[in-house]
Amino acid sequence: MRADPLEVVSSTAEAAFATDEEGRVVIWNRAAERLLGHDAARVLGKPCDEILCGLDVFGNRYCDEDCALKQMARRREAVHHFEMDIRRASGETFRASFSVVVIPGPRPSQYTLVHLFRPVDRGREGEELVRRILKASPAPSLPALAGAPPRSAAQPAPLTAREIEVLHLMANGGSTSHIADSLFISQATVRNHTQNILRKLEVHSKLEAVSLALRSHLI
C-alpha cells in the first residue's frame, strides 16, 4: 500500500512543515515544534514567512509574501537544497538547511510544499526522507496551470464532529496511533474516519485533506 505523505512527515524525527500554494502552514510536525518552539496550534493557517522570518546567508530578507519557492512551484521548476537563517519562538536565529518536496494538489493550481529542515551543524539533510516522501506522493504528468480544466466546484459532504477532530489531530502532526490514543478509539476506527474524510472531501491523501480543510476553514 502506498504511504501517505502526511504520515511520512508526521512520523519522522526530522523537523518538517508543509505550506499550501498561498504560503499558509498546513502541517507542522512535533520535531518542528521542538526545534523552533512554536506549537502547531499557533502556526497552522498562518503565512510561513511570519513564522520563520528567514534571511539569506548575506542577511537579506528571504521569507516574505512573494516567496520564491511558490513562484518556482507554479512554474514547475525544481526546488534545490538551500540554506537560510531562521528564527525560533525565543527570538534566537540559527542557520538551517532545507530540502523541499512539491506535492501536487487536487486541482492543477494547487500544490503543497513539504519543507524538511535541520540546523546546518547537524550535517547533511535527510536525503532518504526526501526519497520516501517522493515515493509516497503521486507523480502524475502535470498539465500547465493555465490550460488545465477546473475541478468540480461542488461543495463536499459535511464532515461529522468526530471527523473534524480527526482532521485537527492530523494537522497537528498526529499519526494514526496518536489520533487513536488521543480520542480513545481504535486505530481501525481512525482509519475508517480517515477514509470517510477523503471520500467526502474528494481527495486522495491525508495531506490533501488537511490542506483543503484549512483552505476551506473547516478546521
N, C-alpha and C. Protein backbone atom coordinates (compact mmCIF):
# COMPACT_ATOMS: atom_id res chain seq x y z
N MET A 1 0.85 -1.19 0.00
CA MET A 1 0.00 0.00 0.00
C MET A 1 0.89 1.25 0.00
N ARG A 2 0.52 2.25 -0.81
CA ARG A 2 1.31 3.47 -0.89
C ARG A 2 1.15 4.29 0.38
N ALA A 3 2.26 4.75 0.93
CA ALA A 3 2.21 5.56 2.15
C ALA A 3 1.66 6.95 1.83
N ASP A 4 1.03 7.56 2.82
CA ASP A 4 0.53 8.92 2.66
C ASP A 4 1.65 9.88 3.04
N PRO A 5 1.88 10.96 2.26
CA PRO A 5 2.94 11.90 2.59
C PRO A 5 2.80 12.49 3.99
N LEU A 6 1.55 12.71 4.45
CA LEU A 6 1.35 13.27 5.77
C LEU A 6 1.86 12.32 6.84
N GLU A 7 1.64 11.02 6.67
CA GLU A 7 2.13 10.04 7.64
C GLU A 7 3.66 10.07 7.69
N VAL A 8 4.29 10.21 6.52
CA VAL A 8 5.75 10.25 6.48
C VAL A 8 6.26 11.47 7.24
N VAL A 9 5.65 12.64 6.99
CA VAL A 9 6.07 13.86 7.66
C VAL A 9 5.81 13.79 9.15
N SER A 10 4.64 13.26 9.53
CA SER A 10 4.25 13.22 10.94
C SER A 10 5.12 12.28 11.76
N SER A 11 5.53 11.18 11.16
CA SER A 11 6.22 10.14 11.93
C SER A 11 7.73 10.30 11.96
N THR A 12 8.29 11.20 11.15
CA THR A 12 9.73 11.32 11.11
C THR A 12 10.27 12.16 12.25
N ALA A 13 11.50 11.89 12.64
CA ALA A 13 12.17 12.71 13.64
C ALA A 13 12.73 13.99 13.04
N GLU A 14 12.71 14.08 11.71
CA GLU A 14 13.19 15.27 11.01
C GLU A 14 12.18 16.40 11.17
N ALA A 15 12.64 17.61 11.49
CA ALA A 15 11.74 18.76 11.56
C ALA A 15 11.16 19.02 10.19
N ALA A 16 9.85 19.18 10.12
CA ALA A 16 9.20 19.35 8.82
C ALA A 16 7.90 20.13 8.99
N PHE A 17 7.57 20.89 7.96
CA PHE A 17 6.27 21.52 7.89
C PHE A 17 5.88 21.60 6.43
N ALA A 18 4.60 21.88 6.18
CA ALA A 18 4.10 21.97 4.82
C ALA A 18 3.27 23.22 4.67
N THR A 19 3.32 23.81 3.47
CA THR A 19 2.54 25.01 3.17
C THR A 19 1.73 24.78 1.91
N ASP A 20 0.60 25.51 1.79
CA ASP A 20 -0.18 25.42 0.57
C ASP A 20 0.32 26.44 -0.45
N GLU A 21 -0.41 26.57 -1.56
CA GLU A 21 0.06 27.45 -2.64
C GLU A 21 0.01 28.93 -2.25
N GLU A 22 -0.67 29.26 -1.15
CA GLU A 22 -0.70 30.64 -0.65
C GLU A 22 0.38 30.88 0.41
N GLY A 23 1.16 29.86 0.72
CA GLY A 23 2.21 30.01 1.71
C GLY A 23 1.75 29.83 3.14
N ARG A 24 0.51 29.33 3.33
CA ARG A 24 -0.02 29.10 4.68
C ARG A 24 0.41 27.73 5.19
N VAL A 25 0.76 27.67 6.47
CA VAL A 25 1.20 26.42 7.08
C VAL A 25 0.00 25.48 7.22
N VAL A 26 0.13 24.26 6.67
CA VAL A 26 -0.95 23.28 6.77
C VAL A 26 -0.53 22.03 7.55
N ILE A 27 0.77 21.85 7.74
CA ILE A 27 1.30 20.76 8.56
C ILE A 27 2.50 21.31 9.34
N TRP A 28 2.59 20.92 10.60
CA TRP A 28 3.72 21.35 11.45
C TRP A 28 3.99 20.21 12.42
N ASN A 29 5.05 19.44 12.19
CA ASN A 29 5.21 18.23 12.99
C ASN A 29 5.88 18.51 14.34
N ARG A 30 5.95 17.49 15.17
CA ARG A 30 6.45 17.67 16.53
C ARG A 30 7.93 18.05 16.56
N ALA A 31 8.69 17.54 15.59
CA ALA A 31 10.11 17.90 15.55
C ALA A 31 10.27 19.39 15.26
N ALA A 32 9.39 19.95 14.42
CA ALA A 32 9.42 21.39 14.15
C ALA A 32 9.04 22.16 15.40
N GLU A 33 8.06 21.64 16.16
CA GLU A 33 7.70 22.28 17.43
C GLU A 33 8.89 22.35 18.37
N ARG A 34 9.62 21.24 18.49
CA ARG A 34 10.75 21.20 19.41
C ARG A 34 11.88 22.10 18.94
N LEU A 35 12.14 22.11 17.66
CA LEU A 35 13.28 22.87 17.15
C LEU A 35 13.03 24.37 17.17
N LEU A 36 11.82 24.80 16.82
CA LEU A 36 11.53 26.23 16.70
C LEU A 36 10.74 26.79 17.88
N GLY A 37 10.14 25.91 18.68
CA GLY A 37 9.43 26.40 19.85
C GLY A 37 8.03 26.90 19.60
N HIS A 38 7.50 26.70 18.40
CA HIS A 38 6.13 27.10 18.08
C HIS A 38 5.22 25.87 18.11
N ASP A 39 4.13 25.94 18.86
CA ASP A 39 3.15 24.87 18.84
C ASP A 39 2.41 24.88 17.52
N ALA A 40 2.03 23.68 17.05
CA ALA A 40 1.30 23.57 15.78
C ALA A 40 0.03 24.40 15.81
N ALA A 41 -0.69 24.39 16.93
CA ALA A 41 -1.96 25.13 17.02
C ALA A 41 -1.76 26.62 16.78
N ARG A 42 -0.57 27.13 17.07
CA ARG A 42 -0.31 28.56 16.91
C ARG A 42 0.00 28.94 15.46
N VAL A 43 0.60 28.03 14.73
CA VAL A 43 1.09 28.40 13.40
C VAL A 43 0.21 27.92 12.26
N LEU A 44 -0.64 26.91 12.48
CA LEU A 44 -1.45 26.38 11.38
C LEU A 44 -2.33 27.48 10.80
N GLY A 45 -2.32 27.57 9.48
CA GLY A 45 -3.12 28.56 8.78
C GLY A 45 -2.45 29.91 8.61
N LYS A 46 -1.29 30.10 9.23
CA LYS A 46 -0.59 31.37 9.14
C LYS A 46 0.48 31.33 8.04
N PRO A 47 0.83 32.48 7.46
CA PRO A 47 1.90 32.52 6.46
C PRO A 47 3.22 32.07 7.09
N CYS A 48 3.92 31.19 6.40
CA CYS A 48 5.15 30.67 6.99
C CYS A 48 6.23 31.74 7.11
N ASP A 49 6.19 32.79 6.26
CA ASP A 49 7.22 33.83 6.36
C ASP A 49 7.12 34.57 7.68
N GLU A 50 5.90 34.65 8.25
CA GLU A 50 5.75 35.32 9.55
C GLU A 50 6.32 34.47 10.68
N ILE A 51 6.41 33.16 10.46
CA ILE A 51 6.92 32.26 11.50
C ILE A 51 8.44 32.15 11.42
N LEU A 52 8.95 31.93 10.20
CA LEU A 52 10.39 31.69 10.05
C LEU A 52 11.22 32.96 10.04
N CYS A 53 10.67 34.04 9.43
CA CYS A 53 11.42 35.30 9.30
C CYS A 53 12.80 35.03 8.70
N GLY A 54 12.83 34.25 7.61
CA GLY A 54 14.09 33.78 7.05
C GLY A 54 14.94 34.86 6.41
N LEU A 55 16.24 34.75 6.61
CA LEU A 55 17.23 35.62 5.98
C LEU A 55 18.20 34.76 5.18
N ASP A 56 18.66 35.30 4.04
CA ASP A 56 19.65 34.53 3.28
C ASP A 56 21.00 34.63 3.97
N VAL A 57 22.00 33.97 3.38
CA VAL A 57 23.30 33.87 4.05
C VAL A 57 24.00 35.22 4.13
N PHE A 58 23.48 36.24 3.41
CA PHE A 58 24.07 37.58 3.47
C PHE A 58 23.29 38.50 4.40
N GLY A 59 22.22 37.97 5.03
CA GLY A 59 21.44 38.79 5.95
C GLY A 59 20.28 39.51 5.30
N ASN A 60 20.02 39.24 4.01
CA ASN A 60 18.88 39.86 3.33
C ASN A 60 17.61 39.07 3.60
N ARG A 61 16.47 39.76 3.62
CA ARG A 61 15.19 39.10 3.87
C ARG A 61 14.91 38.10 2.75
N TYR A 62 14.69 36.84 3.11
CA TYR A 62 14.41 35.80 2.13
C TYR A 62 12.93 35.42 2.17
N CYS A 63 12.37 35.28 3.37
CA CYS A 63 10.96 34.89 3.52
C CYS A 63 10.07 36.12 3.47
N ASP A 64 9.14 36.16 2.52
CA ASP A 64 8.11 37.19 2.50
C ASP A 64 6.92 36.67 1.73
N GLU A 65 5.89 37.50 1.56
CA GLU A 65 4.66 37.03 0.91
C GLU A 65 4.87 36.68 -0.55
N ASP A 66 5.92 37.23 -1.18
CA ASP A 66 6.25 36.89 -2.57
C ASP A 66 7.32 35.80 -2.59
N CYS A 67 7.06 34.72 -1.90
CA CYS A 67 8.03 33.64 -1.72
C CYS A 67 8.55 33.10 -3.05
N ALA A 68 9.86 33.00 -3.15
CA ALA A 68 10.47 32.48 -4.37
C ALA A 68 10.11 31.02 -4.60
N LEU A 69 9.93 30.27 -3.52
CA LEU A 69 9.58 28.85 -3.67
C LEU A 69 8.21 28.69 -4.30
N LYS A 70 7.26 29.54 -3.91
CA LYS A 70 5.92 29.48 -4.51
C LYS A 70 6.00 29.76 -6.01
N GLN A 71 6.79 30.75 -6.37
CA GLN A 71 6.93 31.09 -7.80
C GLN A 71 7.55 29.93 -8.57
N MET A 72 8.54 29.28 -7.98
CA MET A 72 9.19 28.15 -8.65
C MET A 72 8.22 26.99 -8.81
N ALA A 73 7.43 26.72 -7.78
CA ALA A 73 6.46 25.63 -7.86
C ALA A 73 5.42 25.90 -8.93
N ARG A 74 4.97 27.14 -9.05
CA ARG A 74 3.98 27.50 -10.07
C ARG A 74 4.54 27.34 -11.47
N ARG A 75 5.85 27.58 -11.61
CA ARG A 75 6.49 27.43 -12.93
C ARG A 75 6.97 26.00 -13.17
N ARG A 76 6.67 25.09 -12.22
CA ARG A 76 7.09 23.69 -12.32
C ARG A 76 8.61 23.54 -12.37
N GLU A 77 9.31 24.44 -11.68
CA GLU A 77 10.75 24.36 -11.61
C GLU A 77 11.17 23.54 -10.39
N ALA A 78 12.26 22.81 -10.51
CA ALA A 78 12.77 22.03 -9.38
C ALA A 78 13.27 22.97 -8.29
N VAL A 79 12.98 22.62 -7.04
CA VAL A 79 13.46 23.39 -5.89
C VAL A 79 14.64 22.65 -5.28
N HIS A 80 15.82 23.23 -5.37
CA HIS A 80 17.02 22.58 -4.89
C HIS A 80 17.29 22.93 -3.42
N HIS A 81 18.15 22.14 -2.82
CA HIS A 81 18.56 22.37 -1.42
C HIS A 81 19.07 23.81 -1.26
N PHE A 82 18.74 24.42 -0.11
CA PHE A 82 19.25 25.76 0.18
C PHE A 82 19.40 25.92 1.69
N GLU A 83 20.08 26.97 2.08
CA GLU A 83 20.27 27.28 3.49
C GLU A 83 19.80 28.71 3.75
N MET A 84 19.28 28.94 4.95
CA MET A 84 18.94 30.30 5.37
C MET A 84 18.88 30.36 6.89
N ASP A 85 18.94 31.57 7.41
CA ASP A 85 18.83 31.79 8.85
C ASP A 85 17.36 31.96 9.21
N ILE A 86 16.90 31.21 10.20
CA ILE A 86 15.51 31.30 10.62
C ILE A 86 15.43 31.59 12.11
N ARG A 87 14.25 31.96 12.58
CA ARG A 87 14.08 32.44 13.94
C ARG A 87 13.26 31.47 14.78
N ARG A 88 13.73 31.20 15.98
CA ARG A 88 12.96 30.43 16.95
C ARG A 88 11.94 31.33 17.63
N ALA A 89 11.00 30.73 18.35
CA ALA A 89 10.00 31.50 19.08
C ALA A 89 10.66 32.41 20.11
N SER A 90 11.82 32.00 20.62
CA SER A 90 12.55 32.79 21.61
C SER A 90 13.19 34.04 21.01
N GLY A 91 13.23 34.12 19.67
CA GLY A 91 13.90 35.23 19.00
C GLY A 91 15.29 34.88 18.53
N GLU A 92 15.84 33.77 19.00
CA GLU A 92 17.17 33.32 18.57
C GLU A 92 17.12 32.90 17.11
N THR A 93 18.16 33.24 16.37
CA THR A 93 18.26 32.82 14.98
C THR A 93 19.36 31.77 14.82
N PHE A 94 19.19 30.91 13.84
CA PHE A 94 20.21 29.92 13.53
C PHE A 94 20.08 29.55 12.06
N ARG A 95 21.16 29.01 11.53
CA ARG A 95 21.16 28.62 10.12
C ARG A 95 20.66 27.19 9.97
N ALA A 96 19.75 27.01 9.01
CA ALA A 96 19.17 25.69 8.76
C ALA A 96 19.29 25.34 7.29
N SER A 97 19.44 24.06 7.04
CA SER A 97 19.44 23.57 5.66
C SER A 97 18.05 23.04 5.34
N PHE A 98 17.57 23.33 4.14
CA PHE A 98 16.21 22.98 3.73
C PHE A 98 16.23 22.11 2.48
N SER A 99 15.35 21.12 2.48
CA SER A 99 15.02 20.38 1.27
C SER A 99 13.51 20.49 1.12
N VAL A 100 13.04 20.69 -0.10
CA VAL A 100 11.62 20.94 -0.35
C VAL A 100 11.09 19.95 -1.36
N VAL A 101 9.94 19.34 -1.06
CA VAL A 101 9.27 18.43 -1.97
C VAL A 101 7.93 19.04 -2.35
N VAL A 102 7.64 19.09 -3.65
CA VAL A 102 6.37 19.63 -4.14
C VAL A 102 5.39 18.49 -4.33
N ILE A 103 4.23 18.56 -3.64
CA ILE A 103 3.19 17.54 -3.74
C ILE A 103 2.02 18.13 -4.53
N PRO A 104 1.65 17.56 -5.69
CA PRO A 104 0.51 18.09 -6.45
C PRO A 104 -0.77 18.02 -5.63
N GLY A 105 -1.63 19.03 -5.79
CA GLY A 105 -2.90 19.07 -5.07
C GLY A 105 -4.04 18.52 -5.89
N PRO A 106 -5.27 18.60 -5.35
CA PRO A 106 -6.43 18.06 -6.05
C PRO A 106 -6.80 18.85 -7.29
N ARG A 107 -6.33 20.09 -7.39
CA ARG A 107 -6.57 20.91 -8.58
C ARG A 107 -5.22 21.29 -9.19
N PRO A 108 -5.19 21.55 -10.50
CA PRO A 108 -3.91 21.89 -11.13
C PRO A 108 -3.23 23.11 -10.53
N SER A 109 -4.03 24.07 -10.02
CA SER A 109 -3.46 25.29 -9.46
C SER A 109 -3.04 25.14 -8.01
N GLN A 110 -3.27 23.97 -7.43
CA GLN A 110 -2.97 23.76 -6.02
C GLN A 110 -1.81 22.79 -5.85
N TYR A 111 -1.02 23.05 -4.81
CA TYR A 111 0.10 22.17 -4.50
C TYR A 111 0.46 22.38 -3.04
N THR A 112 1.22 21.46 -2.51
CA THR A 112 1.72 21.57 -1.15
C THR A 112 3.23 21.48 -1.18
N LEU A 113 3.89 22.36 -0.45
CA LEU A 113 5.34 22.35 -0.34
C LEU A 113 5.72 21.77 1.02
N VAL A 114 6.36 20.62 1.01
CA VAL A 114 6.84 20.00 2.24
C VAL A 114 8.28 20.43 2.46
N HIS A 115 8.53 21.10 3.59
CA HIS A 115 9.86 21.61 3.93
C HIS A 115 10.48 20.71 4.99
N LEU A 116 11.63 20.15 4.71
CA LEU A 116 12.40 19.36 5.67
C LEU A 116 13.63 20.18 6.04
N PHE A 117 13.88 20.36 7.34
CA PHE A 117 14.98 21.25 7.70
C PHE A 117 15.64 20.79 8.99
N ARG A 118 16.89 21.21 9.15
CA ARG A 118 17.66 20.91 10.35
C ARG A 118 18.78 21.92 10.46
N PRO A 119 19.29 22.14 11.67
CA PRO A 119 20.43 23.04 11.82
C PRO A 119 21.59 22.58 10.95
N VAL A 120 22.28 23.52 10.35
CA VAL A 120 23.37 23.18 9.44
C VAL A 120 24.44 22.36 10.15
N ASP A 121 24.72 22.65 11.42
CA ASP A 121 25.82 21.96 12.10
C ASP A 121 25.49 20.50 12.42
N ARG A 122 24.26 20.04 12.08
CA ARG A 122 23.94 18.63 12.27
C ARG A 122 24.29 17.79 11.04
N GLY A 123 24.84 18.44 10.04
CA GLY A 123 25.29 17.67 8.88
C GLY A 123 24.32 17.73 7.72
N ARG A 124 24.42 16.76 6.86
CA ARG A 124 23.65 16.75 5.62
C ARG A 124 22.17 16.54 5.91
N GLU A 125 21.33 17.11 5.04
CA GLU A 125 19.88 16.97 5.21
C GLU A 125 19.44 15.55 4.92
N GLY A 126 18.18 15.25 5.24
CA GLY A 126 17.69 13.87 5.15
C GLY A 126 17.31 13.46 3.74
N GLU A 127 18.32 13.07 2.93
CA GLU A 127 18.01 12.68 1.56
C GLU A 127 17.07 11.47 1.52
N GLU A 128 17.25 10.54 2.45
CA GLU A 128 16.40 9.37 2.45
C GLU A 128 14.96 9.73 2.73
N LEU A 129 14.73 10.70 3.62
CA LEU A 129 13.37 11.12 3.91
C LEU A 129 12.74 11.78 2.69
N VAL A 130 13.51 12.58 1.97
CA VAL A 130 13.00 13.19 0.74
C VAL A 130 12.56 12.11 -0.24
N ARG A 131 13.39 11.07 -0.38
CA ARG A 131 13.04 9.98 -1.31
C ARG A 131 11.77 9.27 -0.85
N ARG A 132 11.61 9.10 0.46
CA ARG A 132 10.40 8.45 0.97
C ARG A 132 9.15 9.25 0.65
N ILE A 133 9.24 10.58 0.82
CA ILE A 133 8.08 11.43 0.54
C ILE A 133 7.77 11.43 -0.95
N LEU A 134 8.81 11.50 -1.78
CA LEU A 134 8.59 11.46 -3.23
C LEU A 134 7.96 10.14 -3.64
N LYS A 135 8.38 9.06 -3.01
CA LYS A 135 7.82 7.75 -3.33
C LYS A 135 6.37 7.65 -2.86
N ALA A 136 6.07 8.32 -1.73
CA ALA A 136 4.72 8.24 -1.18
C ALA A 136 3.73 9.11 -1.92
N SER A 137 4.22 10.16 -2.60
CA SER A 137 3.30 11.09 -3.26
C SER A 137 3.05 10.66 -4.70
N PRO A 138 1.85 10.98 -5.23
CA PRO A 138 1.57 10.66 -6.62
C PRO A 138 2.46 11.48 -7.53
N ALA A 139 2.80 10.93 -8.67
CA ALA A 139 3.68 11.64 -9.60
C ALA A 139 3.07 11.67 -10.99
N PRO A 140 1.90 12.30 -11.14
CA PRO A 140 1.28 12.36 -12.45
C PRO A 140 1.99 13.34 -13.35
N SER A 141 1.71 13.25 -14.64
CA SER A 141 2.21 14.23 -15.57
C SER A 141 1.34 15.47 -15.41
N LEU A 142 1.92 16.56 -14.88
CA LEU A 142 1.12 17.72 -14.52
C LEU A 142 0.88 18.62 -15.73
N PRO A 143 -0.38 19.02 -15.97
CA PRO A 143 -0.67 19.94 -17.06
C PRO A 143 -0.23 21.34 -16.70
N ALA A 144 -0.13 22.20 -17.70
CA ALA A 144 0.16 23.61 -17.45
C ALA A 144 -0.99 24.21 -16.65
N LEU A 145 -0.68 25.16 -15.77
CA LEU A 145 -1.71 25.71 -14.90
C LEU A 145 -2.81 26.41 -15.67
N ALA A 146 -2.43 27.17 -16.67
CA ALA A 146 -3.42 28.00 -17.35
C ALA A 146 -4.42 27.18 -18.14
N GLY A 147 -4.00 26.06 -18.72
CA GLY A 147 -4.88 25.34 -19.63
C GLY A 147 -5.58 24.16 -19.03
N ALA A 148 -5.39 23.89 -17.77
CA ALA A 148 -5.97 22.69 -17.17
C ALA A 148 -7.43 22.90 -16.82
N PRO A 149 -8.28 21.89 -17.02
CA PRO A 149 -9.69 22.04 -16.68
C PRO A 149 -9.88 22.12 -15.18
N PRO A 150 -10.80 22.96 -14.69
CA PRO A 150 -11.02 23.10 -13.25
C PRO A 150 -11.69 21.87 -12.68
N ARG A 151 -11.42 21.62 -11.39
CA ARG A 151 -12.07 20.54 -10.68
C ARG A 151 -13.49 20.95 -10.34
N SER A 152 -14.36 20.00 -10.12
CA SER A 152 -15.74 20.31 -9.79
C SER A 152 -15.82 21.25 -8.61
N ALA A 153 -16.69 22.26 -8.71
CA ALA A 153 -16.82 23.24 -7.65
C ALA A 153 -17.88 22.84 -6.63
N ALA A 154 -18.43 21.63 -6.75
CA ALA A 154 -19.47 21.18 -5.84
C ALA A 154 -18.94 21.16 -4.40
N GLN A 155 -19.81 21.52 -3.47
CA GLN A 155 -19.42 21.54 -2.07
C GLN A 155 -19.27 20.10 -1.55
N PRO A 156 -18.23 19.82 -0.74
CA PRO A 156 -18.07 18.47 -0.20
C PRO A 156 -19.16 18.15 0.79
N ALA A 157 -19.39 16.86 1.00
CA ALA A 157 -20.37 16.45 2.00
C ALA A 157 -19.91 16.92 3.37
N PRO A 158 -20.85 17.31 4.25
CA PRO A 158 -20.45 17.82 5.57
C PRO A 158 -19.74 16.75 6.39
N LEU A 159 -18.73 17.18 7.13
CA LEU A 159 -17.99 16.28 8.00
C LEU A 159 -18.66 16.22 9.37
N THR A 160 -18.55 15.09 10.01
CA THR A 160 -19.09 14.96 11.36
C THR A 160 -18.14 15.62 12.35
N ALA A 161 -18.64 15.82 13.58
CA ALA A 161 -17.80 16.43 14.62
C ALA A 161 -16.56 15.58 14.88
N ARG A 162 -16.71 14.26 14.86
CA ARG A 162 -15.58 13.37 15.09
C ARG A 162 -14.57 13.48 13.95
N GLU A 163 -15.05 13.57 12.72
CA GLU A 163 -14.14 13.70 11.58
C GLU A 163 -13.37 15.01 11.65
N ILE A 164 -14.01 16.07 12.12
CA ILE A 164 -13.31 17.35 12.31
C ILE A 164 -12.21 17.20 13.36
N GLU A 165 -12.52 16.46 14.44
CA GLU A 165 -11.50 16.21 15.47
C GLU A 165 -10.31 15.47 14.88
N VAL A 166 -10.59 14.46 14.06
CA VAL A 166 -9.52 13.68 13.43
C VAL A 166 -8.68 14.59 12.54
N LEU A 167 -9.34 15.46 11.77
CA LEU A 167 -8.61 16.39 10.90
C LEU A 167 -7.72 17.33 11.70
N HIS A 168 -8.23 17.83 12.82
CA HIS A 168 -7.43 18.71 13.68
C HIS A 168 -6.16 17.99 14.13
N LEU A 169 -6.30 16.74 14.56
CA LEU A 169 -5.15 16.00 15.04
C LEU A 169 -4.19 15.68 13.90
N MET A 170 -4.71 15.41 12.71
CA MET A 170 -3.84 15.22 11.54
C MET A 170 -3.00 16.47 11.30
N ALA A 171 -3.66 17.64 11.33
CA ALA A 171 -2.96 18.90 11.07
C ALA A 171 -1.90 19.17 12.12
N ASN A 172 -2.12 18.68 13.34
CA ASN A 172 -1.13 18.84 14.40
C ASN A 172 -0.01 17.82 14.33
N GLY A 173 0.01 17.04 13.24
CA GLY A 173 1.09 16.08 13.04
C GLY A 173 0.85 14.73 13.65
N GLY A 174 -0.40 14.43 14.02
CA GLY A 174 -0.70 13.17 14.68
C GLY A 174 -0.72 12.00 13.71
N SER A 175 -0.07 10.91 14.11
CA SER A 175 -0.13 9.67 13.34
C SER A 175 -1.43 8.94 13.67
N THR A 176 -1.69 7.85 12.97
CA THR A 176 -2.90 7.08 13.23
C THR A 176 -2.95 6.61 14.68
N SER A 177 -1.83 6.11 15.19
CA SER A 177 -1.81 5.61 16.58
C SER A 177 -2.00 6.75 17.58
N HIS A 178 -1.38 7.91 17.31
CA HIS A 178 -1.54 9.05 18.21
C HIS A 178 -2.98 9.53 18.24
N ILE A 179 -3.63 9.59 17.06
CA ILE A 179 -5.02 10.02 16.99
C ILE A 179 -5.91 9.05 17.76
N ALA A 180 -5.65 7.76 17.59
CA ALA A 180 -6.43 6.74 18.30
C ALA A 180 -6.30 6.92 19.81
N ASP A 181 -5.08 7.13 20.30
CA ASP A 181 -4.86 7.31 21.74
C ASP A 181 -5.52 8.59 22.24
N SER A 182 -5.44 9.66 21.45
CA SER A 182 -6.00 10.94 21.88
C SER A 182 -7.51 10.91 21.98
N LEU A 183 -8.15 10.16 21.09
CA LEU A 183 -9.62 10.12 21.06
C LEU A 183 -10.18 8.88 21.74
N PHE A 184 -9.30 8.03 22.27
CA PHE A 184 -9.71 6.81 22.96
C PHE A 184 -10.55 5.90 22.04
N ILE A 185 -10.06 5.76 20.83
CA ILE A 185 -10.71 4.87 19.86
C ILE A 185 -9.64 3.97 19.26
N SER A 186 -10.05 2.96 18.51
CA SER A 186 -9.09 2.04 17.92
C SER A 186 -8.46 2.64 16.66
N GLN A 187 -7.32 2.10 16.27
CA GLN A 187 -6.68 2.55 15.04
C GLN A 187 -7.55 2.23 13.83
N ALA A 188 -8.28 1.12 13.89
CA ALA A 188 -9.18 0.77 12.79
C ALA A 188 -10.27 1.82 12.63
N THR A 189 -10.77 2.33 13.76
CA THR A 189 -11.79 3.38 13.70
C THR A 189 -11.21 4.66 13.12
N VAL A 190 -9.97 4.98 13.48
CA VAL A 190 -9.31 6.16 12.91
C VAL A 190 -9.20 6.01 11.40
N ARG A 191 -8.81 4.82 10.94
CA ARG A 191 -8.69 4.60 9.50
C ARG A 191 -10.04 4.73 8.81
N ASN A 192 -11.11 4.27 9.46
CA ASN A 192 -12.44 4.42 8.87
C ASN A 192 -12.83 5.89 8.76
N HIS A 193 -12.57 6.65 9.82
CA HIS A 193 -12.84 8.09 9.77
C HIS A 193 -12.03 8.75 8.65
N THR A 194 -10.78 8.33 8.54
CA THR A 194 -9.91 8.92 7.52
C THR A 194 -10.45 8.65 6.12
N GLN A 195 -10.88 7.42 5.86
CA GLN A 195 -11.44 7.10 4.55
C GLN A 195 -12.69 7.91 4.27
N ASN A 196 -13.53 8.10 5.29
CA ASN A 196 -14.73 8.92 5.11
C ASN A 196 -14.38 10.37 4.80
N ILE A 197 -13.34 10.88 5.47
CA ILE A 197 -12.89 12.25 5.22
C ILE A 197 -12.40 12.40 3.78
N LEU A 198 -11.57 11.46 3.33
CA LEU A 198 -11.04 11.53 1.97
C LEU A 198 -12.18 11.47 0.95
N ARG A 199 -13.15 10.59 1.22
CA ARG A 199 -14.27 10.46 0.27
C ARG A 199 -15.11 11.74 0.23
N LYS A 200 -15.41 12.29 1.39
CA LYS A 200 -16.25 13.49 1.43
C LYS A 200 -15.57 14.70 0.83
N LEU A 201 -14.27 14.83 1.06
CA LEU A 201 -13.53 15.97 0.53
C LEU A 201 -13.04 15.75 -0.90
N GLU A 202 -13.25 14.53 -1.40
CA GLU A 202 -12.86 14.18 -2.77
C GLU A 202 -11.37 14.40 -3.00
N VAL A 203 -10.56 13.90 -2.06
CA VAL A 203 -9.11 13.98 -2.18
C VAL A 203 -8.55 12.57 -2.05
N HIS A 204 -7.24 12.45 -2.28
CA HIS A 204 -6.62 11.12 -2.34
C HIS A 204 -5.63 10.85 -1.23
N SER A 205 -5.33 11.84 -0.41
CA SER A 205 -4.38 11.62 0.68
C SER A 205 -4.74 12.50 1.86
N LYS A 206 -4.21 12.15 3.03
CA LYS A 206 -4.46 12.93 4.22
C LYS A 206 -3.82 14.31 4.12
N LEU A 207 -2.68 14.41 3.45
CA LEU A 207 -2.05 15.70 3.26
C LEU A 207 -2.96 16.63 2.48
N GLU A 208 -3.58 16.12 1.40
CA GLU A 208 -4.52 16.93 0.63
C GLU A 208 -5.73 17.30 1.47
N ALA A 209 -6.20 16.37 2.29
CA ALA A 209 -7.38 16.62 3.13
C ALA A 209 -7.13 17.75 4.10
N VAL A 210 -5.98 17.73 4.78
CA VAL A 210 -5.67 18.78 5.75
C VAL A 210 -5.51 20.11 5.04
N SER A 211 -4.82 20.11 3.90
CA SER A 211 -4.62 21.34 3.15
C SER A 211 -5.96 21.94 2.72
N LEU A 212 -6.85 21.09 2.19
CA LEU A 212 -8.16 21.56 1.74
C LEU A 212 -9.00 22.03 2.92
N ALA A 213 -8.93 21.32 4.05
CA ALA A 213 -9.71 21.70 5.22
C ALA A 213 -9.30 23.07 5.76
N LEU A 214 -8.00 23.33 5.79
CA LEU A 214 -7.52 24.64 6.25
C LEU A 214 -7.89 25.71 5.24
N ARG A 215 -7.76 25.39 3.97
CA ARG A 215 -8.08 26.35 2.92
C ARG A 215 -9.56 26.72 2.94
N SER A 216 -10.40 25.74 3.30
CA SER A 216 -11.86 25.93 3.31
C SER A 216 -12.37 26.34 4.69
N HIS A 217 -11.45 26.55 5.65
CA HIS A 217 -11.82 26.94 7.02
C HIS A 217 -12.70 25.89 7.69
N LEU A 218 -12.47 24.62 7.36
CA LEU A 218 -13.17 23.54 8.05
C LEU A 218 -12.55 23.27 9.41
N ILE A 219 -11.27 23.60 9.55
CA ILE A 219 -10.57 23.43 10.83
C ILE A 219 -9.79 24.70 11.13
